[in-house]
């Protein structure tokens, strides 16, 4: 017979509750200590959760930077490169038109 994970979790939970009850009955754990331990546990859980979230954000930024930096250009950079090429093409066409009308492209009007 195999015990499932959920059954094992419930056995562990019941076991912890039985140990706490026995500690209360034998005056090893007083209700005041139990509440104090619970508040300390919740406080520690909140602090650890906040630190875990902040750490996860930094790890996420690091991983995304590593992934994106190994690829090519970003879409914004690609658009800027296309625009640069278009400006270069327009400049060449203007130079050709200026040469046809015998205007000096270097001369300013």
PDB file of N, CA and C in Angstrom:
ATOM      1  N   UNK A   1       0.827  -1.169   0.000  1.00  0.00           N
ATOM      2  CA  UNK A   1       0.000   0.000   0.000  1.00  0.00           C
ATOM      3  C   UNK A   1       0.884   1.250   0.000  1.00  0.00           C
ATOM      4  N   UNK A   2       0.578   2.149  -0.915  1.00  0.00           N
ATOM      5  CA  UNK A   2       1.372   3.366  -1.066  1.00  0.00           C
ATOM      6  C   UNK A   2       0.573   4.561  -0.545  1.00  0.00           C
ATOM      7  N   UNK A   3       1.243   5.439   0.210  1.00  0.00           N
ATOM      8  CA  UNK A   3       0.591   6.621   0.760  1.00  0.00           C
ATOM      9  C   UNK A   3       0.780   7.771  -0.233  1.00  0.00           C
ATOM     10  N   UNK A   4      -0.305   8.461  -0.555  1.00  0.00           N
ATOM     11  CA  UNK A   4      -0.199   9.573  -1.505  1.00  0.00           C
ATOM     12  C   UNK A   4       0.416  10.793  -0.818  1.00  0.00           C
ATOM     13  N   UNK A   5       0.799  11.739  -1.607  1.00  0.00           N
ATOM     14  CA  UNK A   5       1.416  12.954  -1.075  1.00  0.00           C
ATOM     15  C   UNK A   5       0.437  13.738  -0.214  1.00  0.00           C
ATOM     16  N   UNK A   6      -0.827  13.800  -0.657  1.00  0.00           N
ATOM     17  CA  UNK A   6      -1.831  14.552   0.097  1.00  0.00           C
ATOM     18  C   UNK A   6      -2.087  13.905   1.460  1.00  0.00           C
ATOM     19  N   UNK A   7      -2.129  12.581   1.487  1.00  0.00           N
ATOM     20  CA  UNK A   7      -2.325  11.894   2.769  1.00  0.00           C
ATOM     21  C   UNK A   7      -1.131  12.149   3.686  1.00  0.00           C
ATOM     22  N   UNK A   8       0.060  12.133   3.121  1.00  0.00           N
ATOM     23  CA  UNK A   8       1.257  12.403   3.909  1.00  0.00           C
ATOM     24  C   UNK A   8       1.243  13.824   4.462  1.00  0.00           C
ATOM     25  N   UNK A   9       0.771  14.779   3.653  1.00  0.00           N
ATOM     26  CA  UNK A   9       0.659  16.162   4.114  1.00  0.00           C
ATOM     27  C   UNK A   9      -0.324  16.273   5.271  1.00  0.00           C
ATOM     28  N   UNK A  10      -1.464  15.579   5.165  1.00  0.00           N
ATOM     29  CA  UNK A  10      -2.451  15.617   6.249  1.00  0.00           C
ATOM     30  C   UNK A  10      -1.914  14.942   7.504  1.00  0.00           C
ATOM     31  N   UNK A  11      -1.209  13.840   7.350  1.00  0.00           N
ATOM     32  CA  UNK A  11      -0.610  13.179   8.518  1.00  0.00           C
ATOM     33  C   UNK A  11       0.398  14.110   9.194  1.00  0.00           C
ATOM     34  N   UNK A  12       1.183  14.804   8.406  1.00  0.00           N
ATOM     35  CA  UNK A  12       2.165  15.735   8.959  1.00  0.00           C
ATOM     36  C   UNK A  12       1.469  16.883   9.695  1.00  0.00           C
ATOM     37  N   UNK A  13       0.401  17.422   9.111  1.00  0.00           N
ATOM     38  CA  UNK A  13      -0.345  18.505   9.757  1.00  0.00           C
ATOM     39  C   UNK A  13      -0.951  18.044  11.075  1.00  0.00           C
ATOM     40  N   UNK A  14      -1.584  16.886  11.067  1.00  0.00           N
ATOM     41  CA  UNK A  14      -2.177  16.350  12.293  1.00  0.00           C
ATOM     42  C   UNK A  14      -1.087  16.064  13.320  1.00  0.00           C
ATOM     43  N   UNK A  15       0.044  15.563  12.888  1.00  0.00           N
ATOM     44  CA  UNK A  15       1.151  15.289  13.801  1.00  0.00           C
ATOM     45  C   UNK A  15       1.659  16.548  14.481  1.00  0.00           C
ATOM     46  N   UNK A  16       1.802  17.626  13.710  1.00  0.00           N
ATOM     47  CA  UNK A  16       2.244  18.903  14.293  1.00  0.00           C
ATOM     48  C   UNK A  16       1.222  19.402  15.306  1.00  0.00           C
ATOM     49  N   UNK A  17      -0.069  19.303  14.960  1.00  0.00           N
ATOM     50  CA  UNK A  17      -1.107  19.739  15.896  1.00  0.00           C
ATOM     51  C   UNK A  17      -1.106  18.901  17.170  1.00  0.00           C
ATOM     52  N   UNK A  18      -0.877  17.598  17.060  1.00  0.00           N
ATOM     53  CA  UNK A  18      -0.817  16.725  18.241  1.00  0.00           C
ATOM     54  C   UNK A  18       0.379  17.102  19.113  1.00  0.00           C
ATOM     55  N   UNK A  19       1.522  17.382  18.500  1.00  0.00           N
ATOM     56  CA  UNK A  19       2.707  17.776  19.269  1.00  0.00           C
ATOM     57  C   UNK A  19       2.450  19.097  19.989  1.00  0.00           C
ATOM     58  N   UNK A  20       1.806  20.049  19.328  1.00  0.00           N
ATOM     59  CA  UNK A  20       1.478  21.323  19.977  1.00  0.00           C
ATOM     60  C   UNK A  20       0.520  21.093  21.148  1.00  0.00           C
ATOM     61  N   UNK A  21      -0.477  20.241  20.950  1.00  0.00           N
ATOM     62  CA  UNK A  21      -1.441  19.958  22.024  1.00  0.00           C
ATOM     63  C   UNK A  21      -0.749  19.289  23.214  1.00  0.00           C
ATOM     64  N   UNK A  22       0.125  18.346  22.935  1.00  0.00           N
ATOM     65  CA  UNK A  22       0.865  17.702  24.034  1.00  0.00           C
ATOM     66  C   UNK A  22       1.768  18.699  24.742  1.00  0.00           C
ATOM     67  N   UNK A  23       2.369  19.627  23.991  1.00  0.00           N
ATOM     68  CA  UNK A  23       3.201  20.658  24.620  1.00  0.00           C
ATOM     69  C   UNK A  23       2.384  21.581  25.501  1.00  0.00           C
ATOM     70  N   UNK A  24       1.161  21.889  25.082  1.00  0.00           N
ATOM     71  CA  UNK A  24       0.289  22.730  25.910  1.00  0.00           C
ATOM     72  C   UNK A  24      -0.138  21.973  27.172  1.00  0.00           C
ATOM     73  N   UNK A  25      -0.480  20.696  27.028  1.00  0.00           N
ATOM     74  CA  UNK A  25      -0.915  19.909  28.188  1.00  0.00           C
ATOM     75  C   UNK A  25       0.196  19.722  29.207  1.00  0.00           C
ATOM     76  N   UNK A  26       1.430  19.615  28.770  1.00  0.00           N
ATOM     77  CA  UNK A  26       2.551  19.408  29.689  1.00  0.00           C
ATOM     78  C   UNK A  26       3.191  20.727  30.131  1.00  0.00           C
ATOM     79  N   UNK A  27       2.594  21.860  29.772  1.00  0.00           N
ATOM     80  CA  UNK A  27       3.084  23.199  30.107  1.00  0.00           C
ATOM     81  C   UNK A  27       4.461  23.512  29.528  1.00  0.00           C
ATOM     82  N   UNK A  28       4.866  22.802  28.519  1.00  0.00           N
ATOM     83  CA  UNK A  28       6.098  23.150  27.802  1.00  0.00           C
ATOM     84  C   UNK A  28       5.809  24.343  26.900  1.00  0.00           C
ATOM     85  N   UNK A  29       4.638  24.344  26.315  1.00  0.00           N
ATOM     86  CA  UNK A  29       4.197  25.452  25.470  1.00  0.00           C
ATOM     87  C   UNK A  29       2.963  26.058  26.132  1.00  0.00           C
ATOM     88  N   UNK A  30       3.047  27.337  26.449  1.00  0.00           N
ATOM     89  CA  UNK A  30       1.875  28.010  27.007  1.00  0.00           C
ATOM     90  C   UNK A  30       1.120  28.694  25.865  1.00  0.00           C
ATOM     91  N   UNK A  31      -0.161  28.964  26.017  1.00  0.00           N
ATOM     92  CA  UNK A  31      -0.900  29.648  24.945  1.00  0.00           C
ATOM     93  C   UNK A  31      -0.290  30.995  24.576  1.00  0.00           C
ATOM     94  N   UNK A  32       0.273  31.698  25.552  1.00  0.00           N
ATOM     95  CA  UNK A  32       0.945  32.970  25.249  1.00  0.00           C
ATOM     96  C   UNK A  32       2.150  32.766  24.356  1.00  0.00           C
ATOM     97  N   UNK A  33       2.946  31.753  24.671  1.00  0.00           N
ATOM     98  CA  UNK A  33       4.097  31.439  23.825  1.00  0.00           C
ATOM     99  C   UNK A  33       3.648  31.010  22.428  1.00  0.00           C
ATOM    100  N   UNK A  34       2.567  30.256  22.386  1.00  0.00           N
ATOM    101  CA  UNK A  34       2.064  29.771  21.095  1.00  0.00           C
ATOM    102  C   UNK A  34       1.632  30.932  20.214  1.00  0.00           C
ATOM    103  N   UNK A  35       0.927  31.910  20.809  1.00  0.00           N
ATOM    104  CA  UNK A  35       0.512  33.088  20.038  1.00  0.00           C
ATOM    105  C   UNK A  35       1.735  33.911  19.625  1.00  0.00           C
ATOM    106  N   UNK A  36       2.681  34.049  20.534  1.00  0.00           N
ATOM    107  CA  UNK A  36       3.918  34.771  20.214  1.00  0.00           C
ATOM    108  C   UNK A  36       4.686  34.096  19.102  1.00  0.00           C
ATOM    109  N   UNK A  37       4.788  32.767  19.166  1.00  0.00           N
ATOM    110  CA  UNK A  37       5.463  32.035  18.100  1.00  0.00           C
ATOM    111  C   UNK A  37       4.721  32.190  16.779  1.00  0.00           C
ATOM    112  N   UNK A  38       3.397  32.198  16.844  1.00  0.00           N
ATOM    113  CA  UNK A  38       2.607  32.344  15.622  1.00  0.00           C
ATOM    114  C   UNK A  38       2.828  33.716  14.996  1.00  0.00           C
ATOM    115  N   UNK A  39       2.814  34.772  15.834  1.00  0.00           N
ATOM    116  CA  UNK A  39       3.043  36.127  15.310  1.00  0.00           C
ATOM    117  C   UNK A  39       4.454  36.237  14.744  1.00  0.00           C
ATOM    118  N   UNK A  40       5.429  35.678  15.428  1.00  0.00           N
ATOM    119  CA  UNK A  40       6.805  35.705  14.927  1.00  0.00           C
ATOM    120  C   UNK A  40       6.907  34.932  13.614  1.00  0.00           C
ATOM    121  N   UNK A  41       6.197  33.809  13.554  1.00  0.00           N
ATOM    122  CA  UNK A  41       6.218  33.010  12.325  1.00  0.00           C
ATOM    123  C   UNK A  41       5.594  33.779  11.159  1.00  0.00           C
ATOM    124  N   UNK A  42       4.461  34.432  11.400  1.00  0.00           N
ATOM    125  CA  UNK A  42       3.804  35.208  10.338  1.00  0.00           C
ATOM    126  C   UNK A  42       4.690  36.368   9.913  1.00  0.00           C
ATOM    127  N   UNK A  43       5.305  37.059  10.876  1.00  0.00           N
ATOM    128  CA  UNK A  43       6.207  38.163  10.549  1.00  0.00           C
ATOM    129  C   UNK A  43       7.388  37.675   9.715  1.00  0.00           C
ATOM    130  N   UNK A  44       7.984  36.566  10.122  1.00  0.00           N
ATOM    131  CA  UNK A  44       9.111  36.011   9.366  1.00  0.00           C
ATOM    132  C   UNK A  44       8.668  35.587   7.975  1.00  0.00           C
ATOM    133  N   UNK A  45       7.473  35.024   7.872  1.00  0.00           N
ATOM    134  CA  UNK A  45       6.947  34.611   6.570  1.00  0.00           C
ATOM    135  C   UNK A  45       6.751  35.806   5.649  1.00  0.00           C
ATOM    136  N   UNK A  46       6.246  36.913   6.182  1.00  0.00           N
ATOM    137  CA  UNK A  46       6.046  38.128   5.382  1.00  0.00           C
ATOM    138  C   UNK A  46       7.388  38.689   4.922  1.00  0.00           C
ATOM    139  N   UNK A  47       8.348  38.760   5.830  1.00  0.00           N
ATOM    140  CA  UNK A  47       9.666  39.292   5.471  1.00  0.00           C
ATOM    141  C   UNK A  47      10.312  38.426   4.400  1.00  0.00           C
ATOM    142  N   UNK A  48      10.265  37.122   4.583  1.00  0.00           N
ATOM    143  CA  UNK A  48      10.864  36.217   3.602  1.00  0.00           C
ATOM    144  C   UNK A  48      10.141  36.324   2.260  1.00  0.00           C
ATOM    145  N   UNK A  49       8.821  36.484   2.290  1.00  0.00           N
ATOM    146  CA  UNK A  49       8.060  36.617   1.041  1.00  0.00           C
ATOM    147  C   UNK A  49       8.439  37.888   0.294  1.00  0.00           C
ATOM    148  N   UNK A  50       8.567  38.987   1.024  1.00  0.00           N
ATOM    149  CA  UNK A  50       8.953  40.252   0.381  1.00  0.00           C
ATOM    150  C   UNK A  50      10.350  40.127  -0.216  1.00  0.00           C
ATOM    151  N   UNK A  51      11.270  39.562   0.530  1.00  0.00           N
ATOM    152  CA  UNK A  51      12.627  39.380   0.006  1.00  0.00           C
ATOM    153  C   UNK A  51      12.642  38.441  -1.193  1.00  0.00           C
ATOM    154  N   UNK A  52      11.799  37.416  -1.168  1.00  0.00           N
ATOM    155  CA  UNK A  52      11.736  36.488  -2.295  1.00  0.00           C
ATOM    156  C   UNK A  52      11.186  37.175  -3.539  1.00  0.00           C
ATOM    157  N   UNK A  53      10.184  38.027  -3.359  1.00  0.00           N
ATOM    158  CA  UNK A  53       9.619  38.741  -4.512  1.00  0.00           C
ATOM    159  C   UNK A  53      10.642  39.707  -5.095  1.00  0.00           C
ATOM    160  N   UNK A  54      11.333  40.451  -4.226  1.00  0.00           N
ATOM    161  CA  UNK A  54      12.359  41.379  -4.710  1.00  0.00           C
ATOM    162  C   UNK A  54      13.474  40.607  -5.415  1.00  0.00           C
ATOM    163  N   UNK A  55      13.899  39.503  -4.839  1.00  0.00           N
ATOM    164  CA  UNK A  55      14.927  38.685  -5.480  1.00  0.00           C
ATOM    165  C   UNK A  55      14.466  38.124  -6.807  1.00  0.00           C
ATOM    166  N   UNK A  56      13.196  37.699  -6.874  1.00  0.00           N
ATOM    167  CA  UNK A  56      12.674  37.163  -8.130  1.00  0.00           C
ATOM    168  C   UNK A  56      12.629  38.235  -9.204  1.00  0.00           C
ATOM    169  N   UNK A  57      12.309  39.458  -8.821  1.00  0.00           N
ATOM    170  CA  UNK A  57      12.301  40.555  -9.801  1.00  0.00           C
ATOM    171  C   UNK A  57      13.705  40.787 -10.338  1.00  0.00           C
ATOM    172  N   UNK A  58      14.698  40.824  -9.458  1.00  0.00           N
ATOM    173  CA  UNK A  58      16.063  41.033  -9.920  1.00  0.00           C
ATOM    174  C   UNK A  58      16.567  39.875 -10.769  1.00  0.00           C
ATOM    175  N   UNK A  59      16.251  38.656 -10.365  1.00  0.00           N
ATOM    176  CA  UNK A  59      16.654  37.500 -11.178  1.00  0.00           C
ATOM    177  C   UNK A  59      15.956  37.537 -12.528  1.00  0.00           C
ATOM    178  N   UNK A  60      14.671  37.924 -12.544  1.00  0.00           N
ATOM    179  CA  UNK A  60      13.943  38.044 -13.808  1.00  0.00           C
ATOM    180  C   UNK A  60      14.547  39.092 -14.715  1.00  0.00           C
ATOM    181  N   UNK A  61      14.943  40.238 -14.139  1.00  0.00           N
ATOM    182  CA  UNK A  61      15.578  41.273 -14.953  1.00  0.00           C
ATOM    183  C   UNK A  61      16.913  40.775 -15.502  1.00  0.00           C
ATOM    184  N   UNK A  62      17.673  40.079 -14.684  1.00  0.00           N
ATOM    185  CA  UNK A  62      18.971  39.564 -15.138  1.00  0.00           C
ATOM    186  C   UNK A  62      18.792  38.554 -16.268  1.00  0.00           C
ATOM    187  N   UNK A  63      17.856  37.614 -16.084  1.00  0.00           N
ATOM    188  CA  UNK A  63      17.641  36.578 -17.103  1.00  0.00           C
ATOM    189  C   UNK A  63      17.107  37.195 -18.393  1.00  0.00           C
ATOM    190  N   UNK A  64      16.146  38.118 -18.293  1.00  0.00           N
ATOM    191  CA  UNK A  64      15.603  38.736 -19.505  1.00  0.00           C
ATOM    192  C   UNK A  64      16.664  39.563 -20.210  1.00  0.00           C
ATOM    193  N   UNK A  65      17.535  40.219 -19.464  1.00  0.00           N
ATOM    194  CA  UNK A  65      18.624  40.969 -20.101  1.00  0.00           C
ATOM    195  C   UNK A  65      19.562  40.036 -20.829  1.00  0.00           C
ATOM    196  N   UNK A  66      19.877  38.912 -20.209  1.00  0.00           N
ATOM    197  CA  UNK A  66      20.773  37.953 -20.868  1.00  0.00           C
ATOM    198  C   UNK A  66      20.141  37.374 -22.124  1.00  0.00           C
ATOM    199  N   UNK A  67      18.844  37.099 -22.069  1.00  0.00           N
ATOM    200  CA  UNK A  67      18.165  36.518 -23.227  1.00  0.00           C
ATOM    201  C   UNK A  67      18.073  37.537 -24.355  1.00  0.00           C
ATOM    202  N   UNK A  68      17.678  38.764 -24.022  1.00  0.00           N
ATOM    203  CA  UNK A  68      17.495  39.780 -25.059  1.00  0.00           C
ATOM    204  C   UNK A  68      18.817  40.297 -25.603  1.00  0.00           C
ATOM    205  N   UNK A  69      19.876  40.275 -24.813  1.00  0.00           N
ATOM    206  CA  UNK A  69      21.149  40.802 -25.298  1.00  0.00           C
ATOM    207  C   UNK A  69      21.818  39.846 -26.283  1.00  0.00           C
ATOM    208  N   UNK A  70      21.466  38.574 -26.272  1.00  0.00           N
ATOM    209  CA  UNK A  70      22.086  37.639 -27.212  1.00  0.00           C
ATOM    210  C   UNK A  70      21.386  37.651 -28.559  1.00  0.00           C
ATOM    211  N   UNK A  71      20.199  38.262 -28.632  1.00  0.00           N
ATOM    212  CA  UNK A  71      19.488  38.331 -29.895  1.00  0.00           C
ATOM    213  C   UNK A  71      19.976  39.535 -30.676  1.00  0.00           C
ATOM    214  N   UNK A  72      19.335  39.773 -31.827  1.00  0.00           N
ATOM    215  CA  UNK A  72      19.689  40.906 -32.662  1.00  0.00           C
ATOM    216  C   UNK A  72      19.178  42.196 -32.058  1.00  0.00           C
ATOM    217  N   UNK A  73      18.822  43.102 -32.949  1.00  0.00           N
ATOM    218  CA  UNK A  73      18.347  44.391 -32.505  1.00  0.00           C
ATOM    219  C   UNK A  73      16.904  44.301 -32.011  1.00  0.00           C
ATOM    220  N   UNK A  74      16.541  45.236 -31.142  1.00  0.00           N
ATOM    221  CA  UNK A  74      15.164  45.321 -30.687  1.00  0.00           C
ATOM    222  C   UNK A  74      14.304  45.877 -31.819  1.00  0.00           C
ATOM    223  N   UNK A  75      12.983  45.731 -31.752  1.00  0.00           N
ATOM    224  CA  UNK A  75      12.131  46.289 -32.812  1.00  0.00           C
ATOM    225  C   UNK A  75      12.325  47.793 -33.000  1.00  0.00           C
ATOM    226  N   UNK A  76      12.541  48.531 -31.931  1.00  0.00           N
ATOM    227  CA  UNK A  76      12.783  49.972 -32.053  1.00  0.00           C
ATOM    228  C   UNK A  76      14.072  50.227 -32.823  1.00  0.00           C
ATOM    229  N   UNK A  77      15.130  49.490 -32.488  1.00  0.00           N
ATOM    230  CA  UNK A  77      16.400  49.674 -33.190  1.00  0.00           C
ATOM    231  C   UNK A  77      16.285  49.277 -34.653  1.00  0.00           C
ATOM    232  N   UNK A  78      15.537  48.228 -34.949  1.00  0.00           N
ATOM    233  CA  UNK A  78      15.341  47.834 -36.345  1.00  0.00           C
ATOM    234  C   UNK A  78      14.624  48.932 -37.115  1.00  0.00           C
ATOM    235  N   UNK A  79      13.613  49.544 -36.514  1.00  0.00           N
ATOM    236  CA  UNK A  79      12.892  50.632 -37.173  1.00  0.00           C
ATOM    237  C   UNK A  79      13.809  51.833 -37.403  1.00  0.00           C
ATOM    238  N   UNK A  80      14.670  52.132 -36.444  1.00  0.00           N
ATOM    239  CA  UNK A  80      15.613  53.243 -36.620  1.00  0.00           C
ATOM    240  C   UNK A  80      16.595  52.948 -37.760  1.00  0.00           C
ATOM    241  N   UNK A  81      17.042  51.715 -37.870  1.00  0.00           N
ATOM    242  CA  UNK A  81      17.947  51.360 -38.966  1.00  0.00           C
ATOM    243  C   UNK A  81      17.241  51.456 -40.317  1.00  0.00           C
ATOM    244  N   UNK A  82      15.967  51.039 -40.381  1.00  0.00           N
ATOM    245  CA  UNK A  82      15.208  51.174 -41.630  1.00  0.00           C
ATOM    246  C   UNK A  82      15.015  52.644 -41.991  1.00  0.00           C
ATOM    247  N   UNK A  83      14.732  53.457 -40.993  1.00  0.00           N
ATOM    248  CA  UNK A  83      14.552  54.887 -41.237  1.00  0.00           C
ATOM    249  C   UNK A  83      15.852  55.512 -41.719  1.00  0.00           C
ATOM    250  N   UNK A  84      16.964  55.094 -41.162  1.00  0.00           N
ATOM    251  CA  UNK A  84      18.262  55.608 -41.602  1.00  0.00           C
ATOM    252  C   UNK A  84      18.516  55.260 -43.059  1.00  0.00           C
ATOM    253  N   UNK A  85      18.178  54.014 -43.420  1.00  0.00           N
ATOM    254  CA  UNK A  85      18.354  53.605 -44.812  1.00  0.00           C
ATOM    255  C   UNK A  85      17.444  54.409 -45.737  1.00  0.00           C
ATOM    256  N   UNK A  86      16.213  54.673 -45.319  1.00  0.00           N
ATOM    257  CA  UNK A  86      15.293  55.475 -46.128  1.00  0.00           C
ATOM    258  C   UNK A  86      15.822  56.893 -46.310  1.00  0.00           C
ATOM    259  N   UNK A  87      16.365  57.487 -45.256  1.00  0.00           N
ATOM    260  CA  UNK A  87      16.935  58.833 -45.356  1.00  0.00           C
ATOM    261  C   UNK A  87      18.121  58.828 -46.310  1.00  0.00           C
ATOM    262  N   UNK A  88      18.939  57.797 -46.247  1.00  0.00           N
ATOM    263  CA  UNK A  88      20.084  57.688 -47.162  1.00  0.00           C
ATOM    264  C   UNK A  88      19.607  57.570 -48.611  1.00  0.00           C
ATOM    265  N   UNK A  89      18.549  56.772 -48.836  1.00  0.00           N
ATOM    266  CA  UNK A  89      18.002  56.631 -50.188  1.00  0.00           C
ATOM    267  C   UNK A  89      17.443  57.957 -50.701  1.00  0.00           C
ATOM    268  N   UNK A  90      16.726  58.678 -49.843  1.00  0.00           N
ATOM    269  CA  UNK A  90      16.170  59.979 -50.244  1.00  0.00           C
ATOM    270  C   UNK A  90      17.292  60.963 -50.562  1.00  0.00           C
ATOM    271  N   UNK A  91      18.364  60.957 -49.781  1.00  0.00           N
ATOM    272  CA  UNK A  91      19.500  61.851 -50.030  1.00  0.00           C
ATOM    273  C   UNK A  91      20.133  61.535 -51.376  1.00  0.00           C
ATOM    274  N   UNK A  92      20.295  60.240 -51.696  1.00  0.00           N
ATOM    275  CA  UNK A  92      20.879  59.860 -52.982  1.00  0.00           C
ATOM    276  C   UNK A  92      19.991  60.311 -54.132  1.00  0.00           C
ATOM    277  N   UNK A  93      18.686  60.138 -53.981  1.00  0.00           N
ATOM    278  CA  UNK A  93      17.760  60.573 -55.037  1.00  0.00           C
ATOM    279  C   UNK A  93      17.803  62.093 -55.213  1.00  0.00           C
ATOM    280  N   UNK A  94      17.894  62.825 -54.113  1.00  0.00           N
ATOM    281  CA  UNK A  94      18.007  64.283 -54.212  1.00  0.00           C
ATOM    282  C   UNK A  94      19.303  64.703 -54.890  1.00  0.00           C
ATOM    283  N   UNK A  95      20.395  63.990 -54.600  1.00  0.00           N
ATOM    284  CA  UNK A  95      21.662  64.282 -55.264  1.00  0.00           C
ATOM    285  C   UNK A  95      21.555  64.036 -56.768  1.00  0.00           C
ATOM    286  N   UNK A  96      20.852  62.956 -57.145  1.00  0.00           N
ATOM    287  CA  UNK A  96      20.664  62.667 -58.573  1.00  0.00           C
ATOM    288  C   UNK A  96      19.829  63.767 -59.239  1.00  0.00           C
ATOM    289  N   UNK A  97      18.782  64.202 -58.586  1.00  0.00           N
ATOM    290  CA  UNK A  97      17.931  65.259 -59.137  1.00  0.00           C
ATOM    291  C   UNK A  97      18.726  66.560 -59.246  1.00  0.00           C
ATOM    292  N   UNK A  98      19.533  66.867 -58.233  1.00  0.00           N
ATOM    293  CA  UNK A  98      20.352  68.078 -58.264  1.00  0.00           C
ATOM    294  C   UNK A  98      21.362  68.008 -59.404  1.00  0.00           C
ATOM    295  N   UNK A  99      21.910  66.835 -59.675  1.00  0.00           N
ATOM    296  CA  UNK A  99      22.870  66.687 -60.775  1.00  0.00           C
ATOM    297  C   UNK A  99      22.168  66.878 -62.112  1.00  0.00           C
ATOM    298  N   UNK A 100      20.932  66.456 -62.251  1.00  0.00           N
ATOM    299  CA  UNK A 100      20.188  66.624 -63.509  1.00  0.00           C
ATOM    300  C   UNK A 100      19.889  68.091 -63.806  1.00  0.00           C
ATOM    301  N   UNK A 101      19.642  68.870 -62.804  1.00  0.00           N
ATOM    302  CA  UNK A 101      19.303  70.284 -63.027  1.00  0.00           C
ATOM    303  C   UNK A 101      20.547  71.164 -62.923  1.00  0.00           C
ATOM    304  N   UNK A 102      21.711  70.541 -62.893  1.00  0.00           N
ATOM    305  CA  UNK A 102      23.001  71.235 -62.823  1.00  0.00           C
ATOM    306  C   UNK A 102      23.121  72.160 -61.630  1.00  0.00           C
ATOM    307  N   UNK A 103      22.598  71.764 -60.533  1.00  0.00           N
ATOM    308  CA  UNK A 103      22.745  72.546 -59.291  1.00  0.00           C
ATOM    309  C   UNK A 103      23.888  71.948 -58.493  1.00  0.00           C
ATOM    310  N   UNK A 104      24.565  72.788 -57.762  1.00  0.00           N
ATOM    311  CA  UNK A 104      25.671  72.330 -56.921  1.00  0.00           C
ATOM    312  C   UNK A 104      25.085  71.881 -55.585  1.00  0.00           C
ATOM    313  N   UNK A 105      25.133  70.553 -55.276  1.00  0.00           N
ATOM    314  CA  UNK A 105      24.502  70.083 -54.018  1.00  0.00           C
ATOM    315  C   UNK A 105      25.202  70.602 -52.765  1.00  0.00           C
ATOM    316  N   UNK A 106      26.474  70.997 -52.890  1.00  0.00           N
ATOM    317  CA  UNK A 106      27.214  71.472 -51.724  1.00  0.00           C
ATOM    318  C   UNK A 106      26.875  72.944 -51.432  1.00  0.00           C
ATOM    319  N   UNK A 107      26.415  73.674 -52.436  1.00  0.00           N
ATOM    320  CA  UNK A 107      26.133  75.102 -52.289  1.00  0.00           C
ATOM    321  C   UNK A 107      24.824  75.301 -51.536  1.00  0.00           C
ATOM    322  N   UNK A 108      24.813  76.215 -50.616  1.00  0.00           N
ATOM    323  CA  UNK A 108      23.612  76.531 -49.861  1.00  0.00           C
ATOM    324  C   UNK A 108      22.901  77.699 -50.530  1.00  0.00           C
ATOM    325  N   UNK A 109      21.565  77.696 -50.617  1.00  0.00           N
ATOM    326  CA  UNK A 109      20.866  78.820 -51.274  1.00  0.00           C
ATOM    327  C   UNK A 109      20.896  80.086 -50.455  1.00  0.00           C
TER     328      UNK A 109
END
